[in-house]
């Protein structure tokens, strides 16, 4: 009987650790929502939002979470309460680029413009 209690005392913390450890290790890890793609060619891009914005010194949400009206970016508007696929479908239409192009233009375009950050596929889309 004593042996059963001893096992339980030793196993319970291990199980709790196994369950909770991944949650804490990925606490600051986010991925870009790729739910708008019907056929995924690569894994979603890993993106640590707060770490990225702090390092890039981005304070205005609309820097990335933009809103356009009649082809012009509205400086005082932000789409941070929406996912990208709400405005960008896979194919794109009119002046609105498709989802893949929108992601790459926004993220990779900024990295190229600033001459900082990853631009190669496998750097963001880690398998």
Protein backbone atom coordinates (compact mmCIF):
# COMPACT_ATOMS: atom_id res chain seq x y z
CA UNK A 1 0.00 0.00 0.00
CA UNK A 2 2.84 2.33 0.89
CA UNK A 3 4.50 1.61 -2.45
CA UNK A 4 1.36 2.73 -4.36
CA UNK A 5 1.33 6.07 -2.53
CA UNK A 6 5.03 6.55 -3.14
CA UNK A 7 4.56 5.93 -6.88
CA UNK A 8 1.62 8.32 -6.96
CA UNK A 9 3.64 11.00 -5.18
CA UNK A 10 6.48 10.63 -7.67
CA UNK A 11 4.37 10.26 -10.82
CA UNK A 12 1.89 13.09 -10.19
CA UNK A 13 4.45 15.94 -10.34
CA UNK A 14 6.04 14.37 -13.42
CA UNK A 15 2.68 14.26 -15.20
CA UNK A 16 1.91 17.85 -14.23
CA UNK A 17 5.35 18.87 -15.52
CA UNK A 18 4.86 17.04 -18.80
CA UNK A 19 1.50 18.74 -19.31
CA UNK A 20 2.48 22.26 -18.22
CA UNK A 21 6.08 22.53 -19.46
CA UNK A 22 5.20 22.90 -23.15
CA UNK A 23 2.66 25.58 -22.32
CA UNK A 24 5.29 27.68 -20.54
CA UNK A 25 8.00 27.09 -23.12
CA UNK A 26 5.72 28.38 -25.89
CA UNK A 27 4.21 31.17 -23.84
CA UNK A 28 5.62 33.93 -26.02
CA UNK A 29 5.54 31.92 -29.24
CA UNK A 30 2.90 32.77 -31.78
CA UNK A 31 2.41 31.80 -35.36
CA UNK A 32 0.84 33.84 -38.10
CA UNK A 33 -2.75 32.67 -38.63
CA UNK A 34 -2.79 30.71 -41.87
CA UNK A 35 -6.43 29.66 -41.64
CA UNK A 36 -7.27 31.51 -44.86
CA UNK A 37 -5.31 29.07 -47.01
CA UNK A 38 -7.11 26.02 -48.36
CA UNK A 39 -3.85 24.37 -49.49
CA UNK A 40 -0.91 25.00 -47.20
CA UNK A 41 2.48 24.80 -48.91
CA UNK A 42 4.54 25.51 -45.78
CA UNK A 43 3.99 25.58 -42.03
CA UNK A 44 2.71 28.88 -40.62
CA UNK A 45 5.37 31.52 -40.03
CA UNK A 46 6.67 31.66 -36.48
CA UNK A 47 6.15 35.16 -35.16
CA UNK A 48 6.78 36.37 -31.61
CA UNK A 49 4.65 39.50 -31.77
CA UNK A 50 5.83 41.47 -28.72
CA UNK A 51 9.48 40.48 -29.14
CA UNK A 52 9.39 41.48 -32.81
CA UNK A 53 7.75 44.86 -32.19
CA UNK A 54 10.10 45.69 -29.33
CA UNK A 55 13.18 44.81 -31.38
CA UNK A 56 11.87 46.63 -34.47
CA UNK A 57 10.75 49.59 -32.33
CA UNK A 58 7.22 49.40 -33.74
CA UNK A 59 4.73 51.18 -31.51
CA UNK A 60 1.83 51.84 -33.88
CA UNK A 61 -0.34 48.75 -34.42
CA UNK A 62 -1.45 50.00 -37.81
CA UNK A 63 2.12 49.69 -39.03
CA UNK A 64 1.21 46.06 -39.74
CA UNK A 65 -2.52 45.97 -38.96
CA UNK A 66 -3.46 48.43 -41.68
CA UNK A 67 -6.77 49.63 -43.07
CA UNK A 68 -7.16 50.86 -46.62
CA UNK A 69 -10.02 52.86 -48.05
CA UNK A 70 -10.22 53.60 -51.76
CA UNK A 71 -6.59 52.52 -52.18
CA UNK A 72 -5.22 54.81 -49.46
CA UNK A 73 -3.90 53.69 -46.09
CA UNK A 74 -5.82 55.28 -43.22
CA UNK A 75 -3.16 56.39 -40.75
CA UNK A 76 -5.42 56.50 -37.69
CA UNK A 77 -7.19 53.16 -38.29
CA UNK A 78 -6.09 49.70 -37.22
CA UNK A 79 -7.31 46.20 -38.08
CA UNK A 80 -5.74 44.50 -35.05
CA UNK A 81 -9.09 43.02 -34.04
CA UNK A 82 -9.33 41.14 -37.36
CA UNK A 83 -7.45 38.28 -38.96
CA UNK A 84 -5.79 39.01 -42.29
CA UNK A 85 -8.06 36.61 -44.21
CA UNK A 86 -11.09 38.75 -43.34
CA UNK A 87 -9.90 41.27 -45.93
CA UNK A 88 -7.52 39.15 -48.03
CA UNK A 89 -8.75 36.00 -49.74
CA UNK A 90 -6.43 33.49 -51.40
CA UNK A 91 -6.66 34.95 -54.89
CA UNK A 92 -7.02 38.66 -54.24
CA UNK A 93 -9.36 40.96 -56.09
CA UNK A 94 -9.06 44.46 -57.49
CA UNK A 95 -6.49 46.43 -55.50
CA UNK A 96 -6.61 43.96 -52.59
CA UNK A 97 -3.75 41.46 -52.88
CA UNK A 98 -4.27 37.78 -52.16
CA UNK A 99 -3.42 36.51 -48.69
CA UNK A 100 0.03 35.09 -49.52
CA UNK A 101 1.07 38.25 -51.36
CA UNK A 102 -0.32 40.42 -48.54
CA UNK A 103 1.72 38.56 -45.91
CA UNK A 104 4.89 38.64 -47.96
CA UNK A 105 4.49 42.27 -49.01
CA UNK A 106 3.84 43.35 -45.43
CA UNK A 107 6.46 41.23 -43.64
CA UNK A 108 9.16 40.48 -46.16
CA UNK A 109 8.70 43.87 -47.82
CA UNK A 110 9.40 45.66 -44.55
CA UNK A 111 12.42 43.45 -43.86
CA UNK A 112 13.84 44.29 -47.29
CA UNK A 113 13.07 47.99 -46.88
CA UNK A 114 14.70 48.13 -43.44
CA UNK A 115 17.51 45.77 -44.48
CA UNK A 116 16.77 43.78 -41.30
CA UNK A 117 14.99 40.56 -40.55
CA UNK A 118 14.55 37.28 -42.39
CA UNK A 119 13.60 37.11 -46.04
CA UNK A 120 14.25 33.45 -46.87
CA UNK A 121 11.25 31.10 -46.73
CA UNK A 122 12.66 28.55 -44.27
CA UNK A 123 13.64 31.22 -41.77
CA UNK A 124 10.01 32.08 -41.01
CA UNK A 125 8.31 28.86 -42.12
CA UNK A 126 10.20 26.42 -39.89
CA UNK A 127 9.36 22.75 -40.48
